[in-house]
Amino acid sequence: MRLKTVQIIAALTAAIAFIMAFIAAGVLLVSGLFMALGLAAVAWLALSLIRQVNAVRGRKTATLTRP
């Protein structure tokens, strides 16, 4: 059975679309990973700033005394 030109072009187009779908899925996975890492970094930064503010508030502040 001899393949026609249209069938060969359709098969190549399907193969390219299939490969592009896998590339897009990989990009989505990597993008989601970087998004999660960025979110974790922002959460760590926020928590460290909150701890720092709470530590400053917990210290006794200086009071002015007038004679």
PDB file of N, CA and C in Angstrom:
ATOM      1  N   MET A   1       0.843  -1.173   0.000  1.00  0.00           N
ATOM      2  CA  MET A   1       0.000   0.000   0.000  1.00  0.00           C
ATOM      3  C   MET A   1       0.887   1.234   0.000  1.00  0.00           C
ATOM      4  N   ARG A   2       0.650   2.078  -0.937  1.00  0.00           N
ATOM      5  CA  ARG A   2       1.452   3.283  -1.080  1.00  0.00           C
ATOM      6  C   ARG A   2       0.708   4.458  -0.442  1.00  0.00           C
ATOM      7  N   LEU A   3       1.449   5.218   0.392  1.00  0.00           N
ATOM      8  CA  LEU A   3       0.841   6.368   1.054  1.00  0.00           C
ATOM      9  C   LEU A   3       0.760   7.544   0.097  1.00  0.00           C
ATOM     10  N   LYS A   4      -0.308   8.284   0.232  1.00  0.00           N
ATOM     11  CA  LYS A   4      -0.475   9.474  -0.585  1.00  0.00           C
ATOM     12  C   LYS A   4       0.208  10.655   0.105  1.00  0.00           C
ATOM     13  N   THR A   5       0.477  11.678  -0.657  1.00  0.00           N
ATOM     14  CA  THR A   5       1.152  12.864  -0.124  1.00  0.00           C
ATOM     15  C   THR A   5       0.353  13.505   1.003  1.00  0.00           C
ATOM     16  N   VAL A   6      -0.941  13.545   0.848  1.00  0.00           N
ATOM     17  CA  VAL A   6      -1.798  14.152   1.874  1.00  0.00           C
ATOM     18  C   VAL A   6      -1.692  13.378   3.187  1.00  0.00           C
ATOM     19  N   GLN A   7      -1.620  12.060   3.105  1.00  0.00           N
ATOM     20  CA  GLN A   7      -1.501  11.240   4.313  1.00  0.00           C
ATOM     21  C   GLN A   7      -0.161  11.466   5.001  1.00  0.00           C
ATOM     22  N   ILE A   8       0.887  11.604   4.235  1.00  0.00           N
ATOM     23  CA  ILE A   8       2.215  11.844   4.814  1.00  0.00           C
ATOM     24  C   ILE A   8       2.252  13.209   5.499  1.00  0.00           C
ATOM     25  N   ILE A   9       1.698  14.212   4.834  1.00  0.00           N
ATOM     26  CA  ILE A   9       1.657  15.554   5.432  1.00  0.00           C
ATOM     27  C   ILE A   9       0.812  15.552   6.697  1.00  0.00           C
ATOM     28  N   ALA A  10      -0.305  14.860   6.686  1.00  0.00           N
ATOM     29  CA  ALA A  10      -1.157  14.776   7.874  1.00  0.00           C
ATOM     30  C   ALA A  10      -0.435  14.066   9.017  1.00  0.00           C
ATOM     31  N   ALA A  11       0.299  13.011   8.706  1.00  0.00           N
ATOM     32  CA  ALA A  11       1.043  12.288   9.733  1.00  0.00           C
ATOM     33  C   ALA A  11       2.147  13.162  10.329  1.00  0.00           C
ATOM     34  N   LEU A  12       2.872  13.897   9.490  1.00  0.00           N
ATOM     35  CA  LEU A  12       3.919  14.798   9.987  1.00  0.00           C
ATOM     36  C   LEU A  12       3.330  15.925  10.827  1.00  0.00           C
ATOM     37  N   THR A  13       2.206  16.458  10.385  1.00  0.00           N
ATOM     38  CA  THR A  13       1.532  17.516  11.151  1.00  0.00           C
ATOM     39  C   THR A  13       1.080  16.990  12.511  1.00  0.00           C
ATOM     40  N   ALA A  14       0.538  15.795  12.543  1.00  0.00           N
ATOM     41  CA  ALA A  14       0.109  15.205  13.813  1.00  0.00           C
ATOM     42  C   ALA A  14       1.305  14.959  14.735  1.00  0.00           C
ATOM     43  N   ALA A  15       2.422  14.515  14.163  1.00  0.00           N
ATOM     44  CA  ALA A  15       3.616  14.269  14.968  1.00  0.00           C
ATOM     45  C   ALA A  15       4.148  15.568  15.550  1.00  0.00           C
ATOM     46  N   ILE A  16       4.164  16.617  14.741  1.00  0.00           N
ATOM     47  CA  ILE A  16       4.635  17.926  15.231  1.00  0.00           C
ATOM     48  C   ILE A  16       3.708  18.455  16.319  1.00  0.00           C
ATOM     49  N   ALA A  17       2.404  18.316  16.127  1.00  0.00           N
ATOM     50  CA  ALA A  17       1.446  18.761  17.144  1.00  0.00           C
ATOM     51  C   ALA A  17       1.617  17.974  18.438  1.00  0.00           C
ATOM     52  N   PHE A  18       1.872  16.676  18.315  1.00  0.00           N
ATOM     53  CA  PHE A  18       2.078  15.836  19.491  1.00  0.00           C
ATOM     54  C   PHE A  18       3.325  16.268  20.256  1.00  0.00           C
ATOM     55  N   ILE A  19       4.404  16.541  19.530  1.00  0.00           N
ATOM     56  CA  ILE A  19       5.652  16.987  20.168  1.00  0.00           C
ATOM     57  C   ILE A  19       5.456  18.353  20.824  1.00  0.00           C
ATOM     58  N   MET A  20       4.750  19.241  20.138  1.00  0.00           N
ATOM     59  CA  MET A  20       4.500  20.568  20.716  1.00  0.00           C
ATOM     60  C   MET A  20       3.642  20.486  21.975  1.00  0.00           C
ATOM     61  N   ALA A  21       2.727  19.537  22.018  1.00  0.00           N
ATOM     62  CA  ALA A  21       1.905  19.354  23.219  1.00  0.00           C
ATOM     63  C   ALA A  21       2.769  18.908  24.391  1.00  0.00           C
ATOM     64  N   PHE A  22       3.722  18.015  24.149  1.00  0.00           N
ATOM     65  CA  PHE A  22       4.620  17.590  25.223  1.00  0.00           C
ATOM     66  C   PHE A  22       5.524  18.736  25.674  1.00  0.00           C
ATOM     67  N   ILE A  23       5.989  19.554  24.735  1.00  0.00           N
ATOM     68  CA  ILE A  23       6.816  20.706  25.102  1.00  0.00           C
ATOM     69  C   ILE A  23       5.999  21.682  25.943  1.00  0.00           C
ATOM     70  N   ALA A  24       4.766  21.938  25.543  1.00  0.00           N
ATOM     71  CA  ALA A  24       3.910  22.851  26.306  1.00  0.00           C
ATOM     72  C   ALA A  24       3.638  22.310  27.701  1.00  0.00           C
ATOM     73  N   ALA A  25       3.443  21.009  27.819  1.00  0.00           N
ATOM     74  CA  ALA A  25       3.223  20.417  29.143  1.00  0.00           C
ATOM     75  C   ALA A  25       4.471  20.562  30.002  1.00  0.00           C
ATOM     76  N   GLY A  26       5.638  20.398  29.411  1.00  0.00           N
ATOM     77  CA  GLY A  26       6.885  20.573  30.150  1.00  0.00           C
ATOM     78  C   GLY A  26       7.088  22.008  30.595  1.00  0.00           C
ATOM     79  N   VAL A  27       6.754  22.951  29.706  1.00  0.00           N
ATOM     80  CA  VAL A  27       6.867  24.364  30.057  1.00  0.00           C
ATOM     81  C   VAL A  27       5.912  24.693  31.187  1.00  0.00           C
ATOM     82  N   LEU A  28       4.718  24.159  31.132  1.00  0.00           N
ATOM     83  CA  LEU A  28       3.743  24.387  32.196  1.00  0.00           C
ATOM     84  C   LEU A  28       4.253  23.836  33.520  1.00  0.00           C
ATOM     85  N   LEU A  29       4.850  22.671  33.488  1.00  0.00           N
ATOM     86  CA  LEU A  29       5.383  22.066  34.704  1.00  0.00           C
ATOM     87  C   LEU A  29       6.521  22.894  35.286  1.00  0.00           C
ATOM     88  N   VAL A  30       7.445  23.321  34.438  1.00  0.00           N
ATOM     89  CA  VAL A  30       8.571  24.132  34.904  1.00  0.00           C
ATOM     90  C   VAL A  30       8.081  25.489  35.400  1.00  0.00           C
ATOM     91  N   SER A  31       7.130  26.076  34.690  1.00  0.00           N
ATOM     92  CA  SER A  31       6.576  27.358  35.107  1.00  0.00           C
ATOM     93  C   SER A  31       5.886  27.235  36.465  1.00  0.00           C
ATOM     94  N   GLY A  32       5.137  26.173  36.662  1.00  0.00           N
ATOM     95  CA  GLY A  32       4.498  25.946  37.959  1.00  0.00           C
ATOM     96  C   GLY A  32       5.506  25.745  39.070  1.00  0.00           C
ATOM     97  N   LEU A  33       6.606  25.074  38.762  1.00  0.00           N
ATOM     98  CA  LEU A  33       7.660  24.867  39.762  1.00  0.00           C
ATOM     99  C   LEU A  33       8.275  26.195  40.174  1.00  0.00           C
ATOM    100  N   PHE A  34       8.598  27.042  39.193  1.00  0.00           N
ATOM    101  CA  PHE A  34       9.161  28.345  39.523  1.00  0.00           C
ATOM    102  C   PHE A  34       8.158  29.221  40.260  1.00  0.00           C
ATOM    103  N   MET A  35       6.877  29.108  39.922  1.00  0.00           N
ATOM    104  CA  MET A  35       5.863  29.858  40.635  1.00  0.00           C
ATOM    105  C   MET A  35       5.810  29.433  42.101  1.00  0.00           C
ATOM    106  N   ALA A  36       5.888  28.131  42.346  1.00  0.00           N
ATOM    107  CA  ALA A  36       5.869  27.627  43.719  1.00  0.00           C
ATOM    108  C   ALA A  36       7.109  28.078  44.481  1.00  0.00           C
ATOM    109  N   LEU A  37       8.268  28.059  43.825  1.00  0.00           N
ATOM    110  CA  LEU A  37       9.490  28.522  44.480  1.00  0.00           C
ATOM    111  C   LEU A  37       9.408  30.014  44.814  1.00  0.00           C
ATOM    112  N   GLY A  38       8.883  30.799  43.899  1.00  0.00           N
ATOM    113  CA  GLY A  38       8.726  32.230  44.148  1.00  0.00           C
ATOM    114  C   GLY A  38       7.746  32.503  45.272  1.00  0.00           C
ATOM    115  N   LEU A  39       6.667  31.767  45.305  1.00  0.00           N
ATOM    116  CA  LEU A  39       5.685  31.921  46.376  1.00  0.00           C
ATOM    117  C   LEU A  39       6.280  31.546  47.729  1.00  0.00           C
ATOM    118  N   ALA A  40       7.085  30.490  47.750  1.00  0.00           N
ATOM    119  CA  ALA A  40       7.745  30.095  48.992  1.00  0.00           C
ATOM    120  C   ALA A  40       8.733  31.161  49.445  1.00  0.00           C
ATOM    121  N   ALA A  41       9.442  31.771  48.514  1.00  0.00           N
ATOM    122  CA  ALA A  41      10.395  32.829  48.871  1.00  0.00           C
ATOM    123  C   ALA A  41       9.673  34.046  49.442  1.00  0.00           C
ATOM    124  N   VAL A  42       8.550  34.415  48.851  1.00  0.00           N
ATOM    125  CA  VAL A  42       7.776  35.550  49.357  1.00  0.00           C
ATOM    126  C   VAL A  42       7.211  35.234  50.741  1.00  0.00           C
ATOM    127  N   ALA A  43       6.738  34.023  50.936  1.00  0.00           N
ATOM    128  CA  ALA A  43       6.208  33.633  52.251  1.00  0.00           C
ATOM    129  C   ALA A  43       7.311  33.654  53.307  1.00  0.00           C
ATOM    130  N   TRP A  44       8.496  33.166  52.966  1.00  0.00           N
ATOM    131  CA  TRP A  44       9.615  33.183  53.910  1.00  0.00           C
ATOM    132  C   TRP A  44       9.991  34.623  54.259  1.00  0.00           C
ATOM    133  N   LEU A  45      10.025  35.498  53.243  1.00  0.00           N
ATOM    134  CA  LEU A  45      10.353  36.901  53.472  1.00  0.00           C
ATOM    135  C   LEU A  45       9.325  37.556  54.388  1.00  0.00           C
ATOM    136  N   ALA A  46       8.057  37.304  54.147  1.00  0.00           N
ATOM    137  CA  ALA A  46       7.004  37.887  54.982  1.00  0.00           C
ATOM    138  C   ALA A  46       7.103  37.395  56.416  1.00  0.00           C
ATOM    139  N   LEU A  47       7.325  36.095  56.596  1.00  0.00           N
ATOM    140  CA  LEU A  47       7.443  35.565  57.956  1.00  0.00           C
ATOM    141  C   LEU A  47       8.654  36.128  58.686  1.00  0.00           C
ATOM    142  N   SER A  48       9.775  36.254  57.985  1.00  0.00           N
ATOM    143  CA  SER A  48      10.967  36.789  58.649  1.00  0.00           C
ATOM    144  C   SER A  48      10.765  38.256  59.019  1.00  0.00           C
ATOM    145  N   LEU A  49      10.073  39.016  58.170  1.00  0.00           N
ATOM    146  CA  LEU A  49       9.799  40.415  58.508  1.00  0.00           C
ATOM    147  C   LEU A  49       8.832  40.527  59.686  1.00  0.00           C
ATOM    148  N   ILE A  50       7.837  39.656  59.727  1.00  0.00           N
ATOM    149  CA  ILE A  50       6.892  39.671  60.857  1.00  0.00           C
ATOM    150  C   ILE A  50       7.615  39.332  62.152  1.00  0.00           C
ATOM    151  N   ARG A  51       8.502  38.342  62.111  1.00  0.00           N
ATOM    152  CA  ARG A  51       9.272  37.994  63.322  1.00  0.00           C
ATOM    153  C   ARG A  51      10.154  39.142  63.766  1.00  0.00           C
ATOM    154  N   GLN A  52      10.759  39.833  62.802  1.00  0.00           N
ATOM    155  CA  GLN A  52      11.630  40.957  63.140  1.00  0.00           C
ATOM    156  C   GLN A  52      10.831  42.084  63.781  1.00  0.00           C
ATOM    157  N   VAL A  53       9.664  42.381  63.235  1.00  0.00           N
ATOM    158  CA  VAL A  53       8.824  43.435  63.809  1.00  0.00           C
ATOM    159  C   VAL A  53       8.366  43.043  65.210  1.00  0.00           C
ATOM    160  N   ASN A  54       7.982  41.796  65.404  1.00  0.00           N
ATOM    161  CA  ASN A  54       7.548  41.340  66.720  1.00  0.00           C
ATOM    162  C   ASN A  54       8.700  41.380  67.721  1.00  0.00           C
ATOM    163  N   ALA A  55       9.915  41.100  67.280  1.00  0.00           N
ATOM    164  CA  ALA A  55      11.066  41.147  68.183  1.00  0.00           C
ATOM    165  C   ALA A  55      11.352  42.581  68.610  1.00  0.00           C
ATOM    166  N   VAL A  56      11.203  43.527  67.714  1.00  0.00           N
ATOM    167  CA  VAL A  56      11.433  44.937  68.053  1.00  0.00           C
ATOM    168  C   VAL A  56      10.350  45.425  68.998  1.00  0.00           C
ATOM    169  N   ARG A  57       9.133  45.023  68.792  1.00  0.00           N
ATOM    170  CA  ARG A  57       8.032  45.438  69.671  1.00  0.00           C
ATOM    171  C   ARG A  57       8.151  44.817  71.055  1.00  0.00           C
ATOM    172  N   GLY A  58       8.743  43.660  71.127  1.00  0.00           N
ATOM    173  CA  GLY A  58       8.860  42.984  72.414  1.00  0.00           C
ATOM    174  C   GLY A  58       9.905  43.604  73.329  1.00  0.00           C
ATOM    175  N   ARG A  59      10.860  44.305  72.743  1.00  0.00           N
ATOM    176  CA  ARG A  59      11.880  44.948  73.579  1.00  0.00           C
ATOM    177  C   ARG A  59      11.302  46.128  74.328  1.00  0.00           C
ATOM    178  N   LYS A  60      11.898  46.397  75.482  1.00  0.00           N
ATOM    179  CA  LYS A  60      11.442  47.535  76.266  1.00  0.00           C
ATOM    180  C   LYS A  60      11.954  48.799  75.594  1.00  0.00           C
ATOM    181  N   THR A  61      11.079  49.740  75.363  1.00  0.00           N
ATOM    182  CA  THR A  61      11.469  50.978  74.714  1.00  0.00           C
ATOM    183  C   THR A  61      12.050  51.940  75.728  1.00  0.00           C
ATOM    184  N   ALA A  62      12.890  52.809  75.269  1.00  0.00           N
ATOM    185  CA  ALA A  62      13.515  53.793  76.152  1.00  0.00           C
ATOM    186  C   ALA A  62      12.468  54.842  76.539  1.00  0.00           C
ATOM    187  N   THR A  63      12.522  55.243  77.780  1.00  0.00           N
ATOM    188  CA  THR A  63      11.599  56.264  78.257  1.00  0.00           C
ATOM    189  C   THR A  63      12.394  57.503  78.645  1.00  0.00           C
ATOM    190  N   LEU A  64      11.833  58.624  78.360  1.00  0.00           N
ATOM    191  CA  LEU A  64      12.484  59.874  78.726  1.00  0.00           C
ATOM    192  C   LEU A  64      12.053  60.246  80.135  1.00  0.00           C
ATOM    193  N   THR A  65      13.022  60.614  80.920  1.00  0.00           N
ATOM    194  CA  THR A  65      12.699  61.076  82.282  1.00  0.00           C
ATOM    195  C   THR A  65      13.124  62.534  82.381  1.00  0.00           C
ATOM    196  N   ARG A  66      12.261  63.314  82.916  1.00  0.00           N
ATOM    197  CA  ARG A  66      12.563  64.739  83.093  1.00  0.00           C
ATOM    198  C   ARG A  66      12.776  64.991  84.583  1.00  0.00           C
ATOM    199  N   PRO A  67      13.782  65.774  84.867  1.00  0.00           N
ATOM    200  CA  PRO A  67      14.034  66.065  86.297  1.00  0.00           C
ATOM    201  C   PRO A  67      13.009  66.996  86.901  1.00  0.00           C
TER     202      PRO A  67
END
